[in-house]
Amino acid sequence: MTSHRGIHTSMTGHQGVDTSMTGHRGVDTSMTGHQGVNTSMTGHRGVDTSMTGHRGVNTFMTGHRGVDTLMTSHRGVNTSMTGHQGVNASMTVCRGVNTSMTMTGHGGVDTSMTVTGHGGVDTSMTVTGHGGVDTSMTVTGHGGVDTSMTGHGGVNTSMTLTGHGGVNTSMPGH
């Protein structure tokens, strides 16, 4: 599904295979996929853009200059979210495997990333925030392996890592 400057654009797919949605400058754009395989959403300058995937495989969301952009994935495999200059951008992942979150936010406002990974494997969060404001990262990893958090030059930047039995857990912050 491809939409340019669409308003109130939505896509709902159950057990979809190779499902994708591309929206440029969309308003109130949402995508909901249950048990989707190779599900993707790409939005440029989207407002109120959301993607919800349950048990998704190879699920990703890419948003540039998004406002109120969020992605919620339960038991996702190879789930990733990339946001540039996002405002109020959040991602929540439960029990993710090979879950990565990369936010390169130059001047990002109210950017949050929450990972609750019980038994998560290879969970990484990278934030390169030059002049970022109110950037927070919270990881609650029970038995997590290879969990890392990196943040540079943030303002009001907080990183909380609660790792019980974590292996190769690091938090470099400059």
C-alpha atoms as a PDB file:
ATOM      1  CA  MET A   1       0.000   0.000   0.000  1.00  0.00           C
ATOM      2  CA  THR A   2       1.474   3.309  -1.054  1.00  0.00           C
ATOM      3  CA  SER A   3      -0.009   6.634  -0.010  1.00  0.00           C
ATOM      4  CA  HIS A   4       1.290  10.156  -0.613  1.00  0.00           C
ATOM      5  CA  ARG A   5       0.076  12.843   1.766  1.00  0.00           C
ATOM      6  CA  GLY A   6      -2.755  10.577   2.897  1.00  0.00           C
ATOM      7  CA  ILE A   7      -5.060  11.464   5.789  1.00  0.00           C
ATOM      8  CA  HIS A   8      -6.417   8.772   8.126  1.00  0.00           C
ATOM      9  CA  THR A   9      -4.725   5.985   6.200  1.00  0.00           C
ATOM     10  CA  SER A  10      -4.805   2.562   7.810  1.00  0.00           C
ATOM     11  CA  MET A  11      -3.876  -0.997   6.939  1.00  0.00           C
ATOM     12  CA  THR A  12      -4.917  -4.083   8.853  1.00  0.00           C
ATOM     13  CA  GLY A  13      -3.503  -7.498   7.949  1.00  0.00           C
ATOM     14  CA  HIS A  14      -3.976 -10.793   9.715  1.00  0.00           C
ATOM     15  CA  GLN A  15      -1.349 -13.463   9.039  1.00  0.00           C
ATOM     16  CA  GLY A  16      -0.066 -11.390   6.161  1.00  0.00           C
ATOM     17  CA  VAL A  17       3.004 -12.344   4.175  1.00  0.00           C
ATOM     18  CA  ASP A  18       5.250  -9.688   2.630  1.00  0.00           C
ATOM     19  CA  THR A  19       2.951  -6.854   3.716  1.00  0.00           C
ATOM     20  CA  SER A  20       4.252  -3.321   3.334  1.00  0.00           C
ATOM     21  CA  MET A  21       2.917   0.211   3.693  1.00  0.00           C
ATOM     22  CA  THR A  22       4.668   3.334   2.466  1.00  0.00           C
ATOM     23  CA  GLY A  23       3.311   6.786   3.351  1.00  0.00           C
ATOM     24  CA  HIS A  24       4.825  10.193   2.692  1.00  0.00           C
ATOM     25  CA  ARG A  25       3.654  13.081   4.866  1.00  0.00           C
ATOM     26  CA  GLY A  26       0.717  10.990   6.093  1.00  0.00           C
ATOM     27  CA  VAL A  27      -1.547  12.084   8.933  1.00  0.00           C
ATOM     28  CA  ASP A  28      -2.967   9.525  11.374  1.00  0.00           C
ATOM     29  CA  THR A  29      -1.370   6.619   9.499  1.00  0.00           C
ATOM     30  CA  SER A  30      -1.546   3.237  11.200  1.00  0.00           C
ATOM     31  CA  MET A  31      -0.689  -0.358  10.401  1.00  0.00           C
ATOM     32  CA  THR A  32      -1.808  -3.343  12.427  1.00  0.00           C
ATOM     33  CA  GLY A  33      -0.506  -6.817  11.620  1.00  0.00           C
ATOM     34  CA  HIS A  34      -1.012 -10.029  13.530  1.00  0.00           C
ATOM     35  CA  GLN A  35       1.473 -12.841  12.927  1.00  0.00           C
ATOM     36  CA  GLY A  36       2.818 -10.935   9.931  1.00  0.00           C
ATOM     37  CA  VAL A  37       5.850 -12.066   7.988  1.00  0.00           C
ATOM     38  CA  ASN A  38       8.130  -9.476   6.391  1.00  0.00           C
ATOM     39  CA  THR A  39       5.866  -6.607   7.460  1.00  0.00           C
ATOM     40  CA  SER A  40       7.227  -3.107   6.950  1.00  0.00           C
ATOM     41  CA  MET A  41       6.058   0.480   7.295  1.00  0.00           C
ATOM     42  CA  THR A  42       7.946   3.464   5.941  1.00  0.00           C
ATOM     43  CA  GLY A  43       6.745   6.982   6.718  1.00  0.00           C
ATOM     44  CA  HIS A  44       8.392  10.304   5.976  1.00  0.00           C
ATOM     45  CA  ARG A  45       7.306  13.301   8.043  1.00  0.00           C
ATOM     46  CA  GLY A  46       4.316  11.339   9.345  1.00  0.00           C
ATOM     47  CA  VAL A  47       2.050  12.617  12.104  1.00  0.00           C
ATOM     48  CA  ASP A  48       0.506  10.157  14.584  1.00  0.00           C
ATOM     49  CA  THR A  49       2.079   7.204  12.794  1.00  0.00           C
ATOM     50  CA  SER A  50       1.797   3.860  14.544  1.00  0.00           C
ATOM     51  CA  MET A  51       2.593   0.228  13.858  1.00  0.00           C
ATOM     52  CA  THR A  52       1.387  -2.638  16.022  1.00  0.00           C
ATOM     53  CA  GLY A  53       2.594  -6.165  15.324  1.00  0.00           C
ATOM     54  CA  HIS A  54       2.050  -9.289  17.352  1.00  0.00           C
ATOM     55  CA  ARG A  55       4.472 -12.170  16.819  1.00  0.00           C
ATOM     56  CA  GLY A  56       5.859 -10.466  13.742  1.00  0.00           C
ATOM     57  CA  VAL A  57       8.807 -11.849  11.834  1.00  0.00           C
ATOM     58  CA  ASN A  58      11.189  -9.412  10.137  1.00  0.00           C
ATOM     59  CA  THR A  59       9.015  -6.466  11.194  1.00  0.00           C
ATOM     60  CA  PHE A  60      10.467  -2.983  10.855  1.00  0.00           C
ATOM     61  CA  MET A  61       9.386   0.645  10.852  1.00  0.00           C
ATOM     62  CA  THR A  62      11.378   3.528   9.423  1.00  0.00           C
ATOM     63  CA  GLY A  63      10.246   7.091  10.087  1.00  0.00           C
ATOM     64  CA  HIS A  64      11.951  10.359   9.245  1.00  0.00           C
ATOM     65  CA  ARG A  65      10.932  13.495  11.136  1.00  0.00           C
ATOM     66  CA  GLY A  66       7.917  11.654  12.575  1.00  0.00           C
ATOM     67  CA  VAL A  67       5.653  13.155  15.223  1.00  0.00           C
ATOM     68  CA  ASP A  68       4.081  10.854  17.817  1.00  0.00           C
ATOM     69  CA  THR A  69       5.609   7.812  16.140  1.00  0.00           C
ATOM     70  CA  LEU A  70       5.345   4.533  18.010  1.00  0.00           C
ATOM     71  CA  MET A  71       5.901   0.851  17.391  1.00  0.00           C
ATOM     72  CA  THR A  72       4.677  -1.927  19.647  1.00  0.00           C
ATOM     73  CA  SER A  73       5.780  -5.486  19.037  1.00  0.00           C
ATOM     74  CA  HIS A  74       5.216  -8.567  21.162  1.00  0.00           C
ATOM     75  CA  ARG A  75       7.501 -11.576  20.697  1.00  0.00           C
ATOM     76  CA  GLY A  76       8.996  -9.998  17.608  1.00  0.00           C
ATOM     77  CA  VAL A  77      11.855 -11.594  15.731  1.00  0.00           C
ATOM     78  CA  ASN A  78      14.342  -9.322  13.947  1.00  0.00           C
ATOM     79  CA  THR A  79      12.350  -6.214  14.891  1.00  0.00           C
ATOM     80  CA  SER A  80      13.898  -2.804  14.282  1.00  0.00           C
ATOM     81  CA  MET A  81      12.883   0.861  14.385  1.00  0.00           C
ATOM     82  CA  THR A  82      14.856   3.759  12.935  1.00  0.00           C
ATOM     83  CA  GLY A  83      13.770   7.355  13.548  1.00  0.00           C
ATOM     84  CA  HIS A  84      15.452  10.592  12.537  1.00  0.00           C
ATOM     85  CA  GLN A  85      14.552  13.844  14.293  1.00  0.00           C
ATOM     86  CA  GLY A  86      11.512  12.169  15.855  1.00  0.00           C
ATOM     87  CA  VAL A  87       9.252  13.900  18.357  1.00  0.00           C
ATOM     88  CA  ASN A  88       7.567  11.765  21.008  1.00  0.00           C
ATOM     89  CA  ALA A  89       8.891   8.574  19.394  1.00  0.00           C
ATOM     90  CA  SER A  90       8.652   5.360  21.370  1.00  0.00           C
ATOM     91  CA  MET A  91       9.193   1.639  20.841  1.00  0.00           C
ATOM     92  CA  THR A  92       8.148  -1.171  23.158  1.00  0.00           C
ATOM     93  CA  VAL A  93       9.328  -4.726  22.628  1.00  0.00           C
ATOM     94  CA  CYS A  94       8.478  -7.750  24.735  1.00  0.00           C
ATOM     95  CA  ARG A  95      10.486 -10.980  24.480  1.00  0.00           C
ATOM     96  CA  GLY A  96      12.276  -9.861  21.335  1.00  0.00           C
ATOM     97  CA  VAL A  97      14.926 -11.958  19.656  1.00  0.00           C
ATOM     98  CA  ASN A  98      17.651 -10.090  17.756  1.00  0.00           C
ATOM     99  CA  THR A  99      15.814  -6.847  18.519  1.00  0.00           C
ATOM    100  CA  SER A 100      17.589  -3.607  17.658  1.00  0.00           C
ATOM    101  CA  MET A 101      16.583   0.034  18.092  1.00  0.00           C
ATOM    102  CA  THR A 102      18.625   2.738  16.415  1.00  0.00           C
ATOM    103  CA  MET A 103      17.746   6.402  16.923  1.00  0.00           C
ATOM    104  CA  THR A 104      19.914   9.025  15.299  1.00  0.00           C
ATOM    105  CA  GLY A 105      18.111  12.048  16.688  1.00  0.00           C
ATOM    106  CA  HIS A 106      19.689  15.423  16.018  1.00  0.00           C
ATOM    107  CA  GLY A 107      17.626  17.760  18.180  1.00  0.00           C
ATOM    108  CA  GLY A 108      15.118  15.055  19.083  1.00  0.00           C
ATOM    109  CA  VAL A 109      12.508  15.888  21.731  1.00  0.00           C
ATOM    110  CA  ASP A 110      10.952  13.443  24.205  1.00  0.00           C
ATOM    111  CA  THR A 111      12.468  10.328  22.668  1.00  0.00           C
ATOM    112  CA  SER A 112      11.983   7.179  24.722  1.00  0.00           C
ATOM    113  CA  MET A 113      12.855   3.541  24.234  1.00  0.00           C
ATOM    114  CA  THR A 114      11.565   0.808  26.511  1.00  0.00           C
ATOM    115  CA  VAL A 115      12.596  -2.834  26.279  1.00  0.00           C
ATOM    116  CA  THR A 116      11.135  -5.412  28.624  1.00  0.00           C
ATOM    117  CA  GLY A 117      12.978  -8.518  27.521  1.00  0.00           C
ATOM    118  CA  HIS A 118      12.585 -11.622  29.603  1.00  0.00           C
ATOM    119  CA  GLY A 119      15.127 -14.004  28.177  1.00  0.00           C
ATOM    120  CA  GLY A 120      15.912 -11.626  25.325  1.00  0.00           C
ATOM    121  CA  VAL A 121      18.857 -12.437  23.104  1.00  0.00           C
ATOM    122  CA  ASP A 122      21.115  -9.891  21.377  1.00  0.00           C
ATOM    123  CA  THR A 123      19.122  -6.811  22.389  1.00  0.00           C
ATOM    124  CA  SER A 124      20.838  -3.530  21.514  1.00  0.00           C
ATOM    125  CA  MET A 125      19.879   0.130  21.718  1.00  0.00           C
ATOM    126  CA  THR A 126      21.987   2.832  20.103  1.00  0.00           C
ATOM    127  CA  VAL A 127      21.229   6.536  20.550  1.00  0.00           C
ATOM    128  CA  THR A 128      23.348   9.154  18.845  1.00  0.00           C
ATOM    129  CA  GLY A 129      21.666  12.290  20.156  1.00  0.00           C
ATOM    130  CA  HIS A 130      23.405  15.575  19.444  1.00  0.00           C
ATOM    131  CA  GLY A 131      21.574  18.142  21.533  1.00  0.00           C
ATOM    132  CA  GLY A 132      18.788  15.714  22.388  1.00  0.00           C
ATOM    133  CA  VAL A 133      16.311  16.812  25.055  1.00  0.00           C
ATOM    134  CA  ASP A 134      14.665  14.489  27.575  1.00  0.00           C
ATOM    135  CA  THR A 135      16.033  11.303  26.056  1.00  0.00           C
ATOM    136  CA  SER A 136      15.468   8.208  28.181  1.00  0.00           C
ATOM    137  CA  MET A 137      16.258   4.549  27.728  1.00  0.00           C
ATOM    138  CA  THR A 138      14.996   1.819  30.024  1.00  0.00           C
ATOM    139  CA  VAL A 139      15.988  -1.830  29.798  1.00  0.00           C
ATOM    140  CA  THR A 140      14.599  -4.476  32.101  1.00  0.00           C
ATOM    141  CA  GLY A 141      16.380  -7.614  30.973  1.00  0.00           C
ATOM    142  CA  HIS A 142      16.101 -10.810  32.961  1.00  0.00           C
ATOM    143  CA  GLY A 143      18.713 -13.200  31.653  1.00  0.00           C
ATOM    144  CA  GLY A 144      19.501 -10.919  28.731  1.00  0.00           C
ATOM    145  CA  VAL A 145      22.531 -11.604  26.567  1.00  0.00           C
ATOM    146  CA  ASP A 146      24.647  -8.956  24.829  1.00  0.00           C
ATOM    147  CA  THR A 147      22.651  -5.901  25.923  1.00  0.00           C
ATOM    148  CA  SER A 148      24.215  -2.531  25.152  1.00  0.00           C
ATOM    149  CA  MET A 149      23.184   1.134  25.416  1.00  0.00           C
ATOM    150  CA  THR A 150      25.177   3.994  23.919  1.00  0.00           C
ATOM    151  CA  GLY A 151      24.352   7.712  24.188  1.00  0.00           C
ATOM    152  CA  HIS A 152      26.405  10.781  23.191  1.00  0.00           C
ATOM    153  CA  GLY A 153      25.943  14.433  24.087  1.00  0.00           C
ATOM    154  CA  GLY A 154      22.347  14.150  25.368  1.00  0.00           C
ATOM    155  CA  VAL A 155      20.605  16.766  27.538  1.00  0.00           C
ATOM    156  CA  ASN A 156      18.533  15.323  30.390  1.00  0.00           C
ATOM    157  CA  THR A 157      19.581  11.906  29.147  1.00  0.00           C
ATOM    158  CA  SER A 158      18.934   8.980  31.450  1.00  0.00           C
ATOM    159  CA  MET A 159      19.770   5.326  30.983  1.00  0.00           C
ATOM    160  CA  THR A 160      18.381   2.705  33.337  1.00  0.00           C
ATOM    161  CA  LEU A 161      19.519  -0.886  33.014  1.00  0.00           C
ATOM    162  CA  THR A 162      18.103  -3.551  35.278  1.00  0.00           C
ATOM    163  CA  GLY A 163      19.810  -6.766  34.221  1.00  0.00           C
ATOM    164  CA  HIS A 164      19.404  -9.889  36.314  1.00  0.00           C
ATOM    165  CA  GLY A 165      21.900 -12.492  35.184  1.00  0.00           C
ATOM    166  CA  GLY A 166      22.867 -10.395  32.162  1.00  0.00           C
ATOM    167  CA  VAL A 167      25.829 -11.416  30.024  1.00  0.00           C
ATOM    168  CA  ASN A 168      28.046  -8.881  28.230  1.00  0.00           C
ATOM    169  CA  THR A 169      25.984  -5.910  29.457  1.00  0.00           C
ATOM    170  CA  SER A 170      27.469  -2.474  28.841  1.00  0.00           C
ATOM    171  CA  MET A 171      26.368   1.178  29.095  1.00  0.00           C
ATOM    172  CA  PRO A 172      28.834   3.604  27.467  1.00  0.00           C
ATOM    173  CA  GLY A 173      27.682   7.206  27.847  1.00  0.00           C
ATOM    174  CA  HIS A 174      29.650  10.254  26.688  1.00  0.00           C
END
